[in-house]
Amino acid sequence: MGHHSKNMNVRLQKVLAQWGVASRRRAEVLIQAGLVQVNGGVAALGQKVDPSCDRIQVDGQDLHPPSNPRALYLLLHKPVGVVTTCYDPQQRRTVLDLLPALYRCVPGVHPVGRLDFNSSGALLLTNDGQWTFALTHPRHHIPKTYWVWVQGNPSNAVLRQWRQGVSLDGRVTQPAQIRVVRPYQSCTQTTSLEIILKEGRNRQIRRVAEQLGHPVVKLHRTHIGQISLQRSDGTHLPPGACRLLTPSEVQELQPSQPIHPHQECVI
C-alpha cells in the first residue's frame, strides 16, 4: 500500500473505539498493557495507524473493520473539481478522498445522490443503504436549495417558464421556486438566483438554464431540506470539510411514509 497520506493516519485508540472493540478509555488501557499490536510490533499509546492497510491485532487476534459498522451520516461541503463517486477511472479526486480516514475506512460509505464535477455545496454521505434508497426515491421529495449564477439577465417571462416547468427528454420538470438574489451585474454579466427543487434529474438546473438561453456560470447547493452547511456553533463548513449529522437531522430526512424497495415507482 506504498504511500501513506498524512490524513489517513489516526490514533490507534480512536480506531479501536470506532470499530467497537472498546471504549476510548478501555482501548488506552489495552494499549498500555501491551496487548495491541500493529504490523506485528507492540503498539504505543497515541500511535497513529492507517486503518485501511495497517494490520491491527488485540491479544494476537486480527482486527478488521466491523462488517456491520455503526450507521454513519455525514454532510460534506463538496468543492468544485471533485467527482461524486466512490471511484474514478480517470484518477480524479473523489468525495471519499476528502473524508477523514476514520470515516473513509468505514465499509460501504457512499454519496447520496450527485453533485456535478463543476458544482459545489452540500452533499450527504452514509453507509446506510436503506436511508439512501429512501432519500433518492422519486416519491420522497426533499427540497434542495441552490444558489445559481447564470449568464445574462433572465426576463420575468423566462423565470415564469422556469418556475412552471420546462420539457427535458420529453418530460416536463416539476414546478420550481425561483427568486432573484442579486439582480444582473454588468461587470460579471450574471444574475444570481436562488432555486429550490423537489426533484433532481441529471444536470437538471444546468440543462434547463442552457435551454432558456442563460447558461450556468456557477452552481452551489446550500441546503438539503433544512440541513445547511453550518456547524452547530454557527460557523460555515469550509469546502472539503465534513461534519456528522445530528440525530434530529437524520430523523428529519426520513420519509414520513416508509418506502419499500419493491414498491412501484411511478414517475
Protein backbone atom coordinates (compact mmCIF):
# COMPACT_ATOMS: atom_id res chain seq x y z
CA MET A 1 0.00 0.00 0.00
CA GLY A 2 3.10 2.14 -0.53
CA HIS A 3 2.18 5.76 0.02
CA HIS A 4 0.63 6.91 3.28
CA SER A 5 -1.13 10.21 3.08
CA LYS A 6 -0.92 12.03 6.38
CA ASN A 7 -4.63 12.36 6.88
CA MET A 8 -5.09 8.58 6.62
CA ASN A 9 -3.29 8.29 9.97
CA VAL A 10 -5.49 8.16 13.04
CA ARG A 11 -4.73 7.49 16.70
CA LEU A 12 -4.97 3.79 17.43
CA GLN A 13 -7.30 4.16 20.44
CA LYS A 14 -9.71 6.16 18.26
CA VAL A 15 -9.81 3.34 15.68
CA LEU A 16 -10.43 0.71 18.37
CA ALA A 17 -13.29 2.81 19.75
CA GLN A 18 -14.77 3.47 16.28
CA TRP A 19 -14.62 -0.24 15.46
CA GLY A 20 -16.48 -1.07 18.68
CA VAL A 21 -13.58 -3.03 20.22
CA ALA A 22 -13.63 -1.00 23.43
CA SER A 23 -14.35 2.50 24.71
CA ARG A 24 -11.57 5.03 24.10
CA ARG A 25 -10.55 4.80 27.80
CA ARG A 26 -10.55 0.97 27.79
CA ALA A 27 -8.62 0.94 24.47
CA GLU A 28 -5.91 3.07 26.11
CA VAL A 29 -5.66 0.51 28.96
CA LEU A 30 -5.30 -2.34 26.44
CA ILE A 31 -2.55 -0.46 24.59
CA GLN A 32 -0.68 0.43 27.80
CA ALA A 33 -0.86 -3.23 28.84
CA GLY A 34 0.98 -4.16 25.62
CA LEU A 35 -1.97 -6.18 24.30
CA VAL A 36 -2.31 -4.35 20.98
CA GLN A 37 0.00 -4.98 18.01
CA VAL A 38 0.32 -3.01 14.79
CA ASN A 39 2.02 -4.78 11.88
CA GLY A 40 3.50 -7.33 14.29
CA GLY A 41 5.01 -4.81 16.74
CA VAL A 42 3.65 -3.85 20.18
CA ALA A 43 1.69 -0.62 19.82
CA ALA A 44 2.38 2.53 21.81
CA LEU A 45 -0.31 4.79 23.25
CA GLY A 46 -1.15 7.59 20.81
CA GLN A 47 0.44 5.73 17.90
CA LYS A 48 -1.01 6.71 14.53
CA VAL A 49 -2.24 3.97 12.21
CA ASP A 50 -3.67 3.78 8.73
CA PRO A 51 -6.86 1.75 9.26
CA SER A 52 -7.17 0.97 5.56
CA CYS A 53 -3.94 -1.03 5.36
CA ASP A 54 -2.21 -1.49 8.76
CA ARG A 55 -2.64 -4.91 10.41
CA ILE A 56 -4.06 -4.35 13.89
CA GLN A 57 -4.26 -7.16 16.47
CA VAL A 58 -5.64 -7.26 20.01
CA ASP A 59 -4.17 -10.03 22.15
CA GLY A 60 -2.97 -11.80 19.00
CA GLN A 61 -6.38 -11.69 17.25
CA ASP A 62 -6.55 -9.91 13.89
CA LEU A 63 -8.97 -6.99 13.90
CA HIS A 64 -10.96 -5.96 10.87
CA PRO A 65 -13.24 -3.01 10.32
CA PRO A 66 -16.63 -4.16 11.63
CA SER A 67 -18.71 -5.82 8.92
CA ASN A 68 -21.74 -4.16 10.44
CA PRO A 69 -20.38 -0.78 11.47
CA ARG A 70 -22.31 1.94 13.22
CA ALA A 71 -24.52 3.87 10.85
CA LEU A 72 -22.64 6.96 9.68
CA TYR A 73 -24.38 10.09 8.38
CA LEU A 74 -22.16 12.88 7.07
CA LEU A 75 -22.62 16.27 5.44
CA LEU A 76 -19.74 17.28 3.15
CA HIS A 77 -19.07 20.67 1.59
CA LYS A 78 -18.07 19.40 -1.86
CA PRO A 79 -15.63 21.70 -3.64
CA VAL A 80 -15.61 22.27 -7.40
CA GLY A 81 -13.35 19.79 -9.23
CA VAL A 82 -14.19 16.67 -7.22
CA VAL A 83 -16.28 13.77 -8.55
CA THR A 84 -19.29 12.46 -6.62
CA THR A 85 -18.40 8.78 -6.88
CA CYS A 86 -16.55 6.23 -4.76
CA TYR A 87 -14.02 5.51 -7.51
CA ASP A 88 -12.96 7.36 -10.64
CA PRO A 89 -11.25 5.51 -13.51
CA GLN A 90 -9.67 8.82 -14.60
CA GLN A 91 -7.97 9.05 -11.17
CA ARG A 92 -9.62 12.37 -10.32
CA ARG A 93 -10.24 13.20 -6.68
CA THR A 94 -13.48 11.73 -5.38
CA VAL A 95 -15.63 12.86 -2.47
CA LEU A 96 -14.36 9.85 -0.48
CA ASP A 97 -10.80 11.19 -0.79
CA LEU A 98 -11.91 14.26 1.17
CA LEU A 99 -13.16 12.32 4.21
CA PRO A 100 -11.05 11.91 7.34
CA ALA A 101 -9.51 8.42 7.48
CA LEU A 102 -11.76 7.36 10.32
CA TYR A 103 -14.86 7.80 8.13
CA ARG A 104 -13.23 6.70 4.89
CA CYS A 105 -12.36 3.27 6.28
CA VAL A 106 -15.94 2.51 7.38
CA PRO A 107 -17.15 -0.11 4.88
CA GLY A 108 -19.88 0.93 2.48
CA VAL A 109 -19.66 4.72 2.83
CA HIS A 110 -21.05 6.33 -0.33
CA PRO A 111 -22.52 9.63 -1.54
CA VAL A 112 -26.31 10.07 -1.54
CA GLY A 113 -27.27 11.45 -4.96
CA ARG A 114 -24.97 13.55 -7.12
CA LEU A 115 -23.38 16.95 -7.49
CA ASP A 116 -21.64 17.73 -10.78
CA PHE A 117 -17.84 17.90 -11.03
CA ASN A 118 -18.14 21.69 -11.53
CA SER A 119 -20.77 22.23 -8.80
CA SER A 120 -20.14 22.74 -5.10
CA GLY A 121 -22.02 22.59 -1.84
CA ALA A 122 -23.99 20.29 0.44
CA LEU A 123 -23.65 16.55 -0.18
CA LEU A 124 -24.70 13.70 2.12
CA LEU A 125 -22.67 10.51 2.59
CA THR A 126 -23.67 7.41 4.54
CA ASN A 127 -23.15 3.67 4.90
CA ASP A 128 -26.89 3.16 5.44
CA GLY A 129 -28.24 1.73 2.18
CA GLN A 130 -31.90 1.89 3.21
CA TRP A 131 -31.59 5.56 4.12
CA THR A 132 -30.02 6.26 0.72
CA PHE A 133 -32.76 4.33 -1.05
CA ALA A 134 -35.47 6.31 0.77
CA LEU A 135 -33.78 9.67 0.15
CA THR A 136 -33.23 9.07 -3.56
CA HIS A 137 -36.65 7.50 -4.25
CA PRO A 138 -38.73 9.66 -6.62
CA ARG A 139 -41.66 9.56 -4.18
CA HIS A 140 -39.64 11.21 -1.43
CA HIS A 141 -39.37 14.86 -2.41
CA ILE A 142 -36.82 16.66 -0.25
CA PRO A 143 -36.46 20.30 -1.30
CA LYS A 144 -32.89 21.18 -2.23
CA THR A 145 -31.79 24.80 -2.35
CA TYR A 146 -29.20 26.11 -4.83
CA TRP A 147 -27.51 29.44 -5.46
CA VAL A 148 -27.08 29.70 -9.20
CA TRP A 149 -25.20 32.34 -11.16
CA VAL A 150 -26.47 32.46 -14.76
CA GLN A 151 -25.26 34.39 -17.80
CA GLY A 152 -27.24 37.46 -18.75
CA ASN A 153 -30.43 38.92 -17.31
CA PRO A 154 -33.33 36.43 -17.43
CA SER A 155 -36.65 38.17 -18.10
CA ASN A 156 -39.74 37.68 -15.95
CA ALA A 157 -41.20 35.57 -18.76
CA VAL A 158 -38.14 33.26 -18.69
CA LEU A 159 -38.30 32.94 -14.90
CA ARG A 160 -42.04 32.23 -15.06
CA GLN A 161 -41.43 29.45 -17.59
CA TRP A 162 -38.63 28.00 -15.43
CA ARG A 163 -40.91 28.07 -12.35
CA GLN A 164 -43.76 26.33 -14.19
CA GLY A 165 -41.66 23.62 -15.82
CA VAL A 166 -39.60 23.03 -18.94
CA SER A 167 -39.56 19.91 -21.11
CA LEU A 168 -36.40 17.80 -20.67
CA ASP A 169 -36.17 14.48 -22.55
CA GLY A 170 -39.89 14.70 -23.32
CA ARG A 171 -40.90 15.11 -19.66
CA VAL A 172 -41.75 18.45 -18.04
CA THR A 173 -39.77 19.39 -14.93
CA GLN A 174 -41.74 19.81 -11.72
CA PRO A 175 -42.52 23.37 -10.57
CA ALA A 176 -39.50 25.13 -9.04
CA GLN A 177 -39.29 28.05 -6.62
CA ILE A 178 -37.01 30.75 -8.05
CA ARG A 179 -36.15 34.18 -6.72
CA VAL A 180 -33.57 36.69 -7.87
CA VAL A 181 -30.97 37.05 -5.11
CA ARG A 182 -28.76 39.54 -6.91
CA PRO A 183 -30.03 41.35 -9.99
CA TYR A 184 -27.97 41.48 -13.18
CA GLN A 185 -24.41 42.71 -12.58
CA SER A 186 -22.96 44.36 -15.66
CA CYS A 187 -19.35 43.77 -14.51
CA THR A 188 -19.79 39.96 -14.42
CA GLN A 189 -22.76 39.88 -16.85
CA THR A 190 -24.50 37.43 -14.49
CA THR A 191 -27.68 37.24 -12.41
CA SER A 192 -27.78 35.30 -9.11
CA LEU A 193 -30.82 33.15 -8.41
CA GLU A 194 -31.97 31.01 -5.51
CA ILE A 195 -33.62 27.87 -6.87
CA ILE A 196 -35.49 25.33 -4.74
CA LEU A 197 -36.19 21.98 -6.43
CA LYS A 198 -38.08 18.94 -5.21
CA GLU A 199 -36.69 16.69 -7.93
CA GLY A 200 -33.13 16.27 -9.08
CA ARG A 201 -32.86 14.92 -12.57
CA ASN A 202 -29.37 14.62 -14.02
CA ARG A 203 -27.80 18.08 -14.54
CA GLN A 204 -31.33 19.49 -14.41
CA ILE A 205 -30.57 23.12 -13.49
CA ARG A 206 -27.71 23.37 -15.99
CA ARG A 207 -29.76 21.86 -18.83
CA VAL A 208 -32.85 23.99 -18.20
CA ALA A 209 -30.74 27.18 -17.90
CA GLU A 210 -28.99 26.34 -21.18
CA GLN A 211 -32.34 25.68 -22.87
CA LEU A 212 -33.72 29.02 -21.67
CA GLY A 213 -30.65 30.86 -23.05
CA HIS A 214 -28.96 31.69 -19.71
CA PRO A 215 -26.21 29.09 -19.16
CA VAL A 216 -25.00 28.43 -15.61
CA VAL A 217 -21.70 30.06 -14.65
CA LYS A 218 -21.61 28.73 -11.09
CA LEU A 219 -23.84 26.39 -9.08
CA HIS A 220 -23.73 25.85 -5.31
CA ARG A 221 -26.11 23.74 -3.20
CA THR A 222 -26.76 25.45 0.15
CA HIS A 223 -29.41 23.21 1.74
CA ILE A 224 -30.78 19.68 1.65
CA GLY A 225 -34.17 20.04 3.32
CA GLN A 226 -33.42 22.27 6.32
CA ILE A 227 -29.86 20.97 6.63
CA SER A 228 -27.27 23.58 5.70
CA LEU A 229 -23.51 23.94 5.53
CA GLN A 230 -23.48 25.44 9.04
CA ARG A 231 -21.82 23.83 12.02
CA SER A 232 -23.65 23.73 15.36
CA ASP A 233 -21.57 26.71 16.55
CA GLY A 234 -22.88 28.79 13.63
CA THR A 235 -19.62 28.77 11.64
CA HIS A 236 -19.65 27.77 7.98
CA LEU A 237 -18.30 24.39 6.90
CA PRO A 238 -15.40 25.22 4.54
CA PRO A 239 -15.02 23.49 1.14
CA GLY A 240 -13.66 19.96 1.57
CA ALA A 241 -14.74 19.70 5.23
CA CYS A 242 -17.46 17.44 6.60
CA ARG A 243 -19.46 17.06 9.79
CA LEU A 244 -21.65 14.38 11.33
CA LEU A 245 -25.39 14.95 11.04
CA THR A 246 -27.17 15.28 14.36
CA PRO A 247 -29.70 12.53 15.21
CA SER A 248 -32.53 15.05 14.70
CA GLU A 249 -31.18 15.94 11.21
CA VAL A 250 -31.04 12.24 10.27
CA GLN A 251 -34.62 11.87 11.54
CA GLU A 252 -35.78 14.98 9.70
CA LEU A 253 -34.74 13.48 6.36
CA GLN A 254 -36.51 10.16 6.99
CA PRO A 255 -39.64 9.86 4.86
CA SER A 256 -42.84 10.06 6.92
CA GLN A 257 -44.19 7.07 4.98
CA PRO A 258 -41.76 4.13 4.74
CA ILE A 259 -40.75 3.42 1.15
CA HIS A 260 -40.14 -0.25 0.40
CA PRO A 261 -37.71 -1.40 -2.28
CA HIS A 262 -40.38 -3.43 -4.10
CA GLN A 263 -42.87 -0.55 -4.24
CA GLU A 264 -43.92 0.53 -7.72
CA CYS A 265 -42.25 3.77 -8.61
CA VAL A 266 -44.45 5.82 -10.91
CA ILE A 267 -42.76 8.87 -12.38
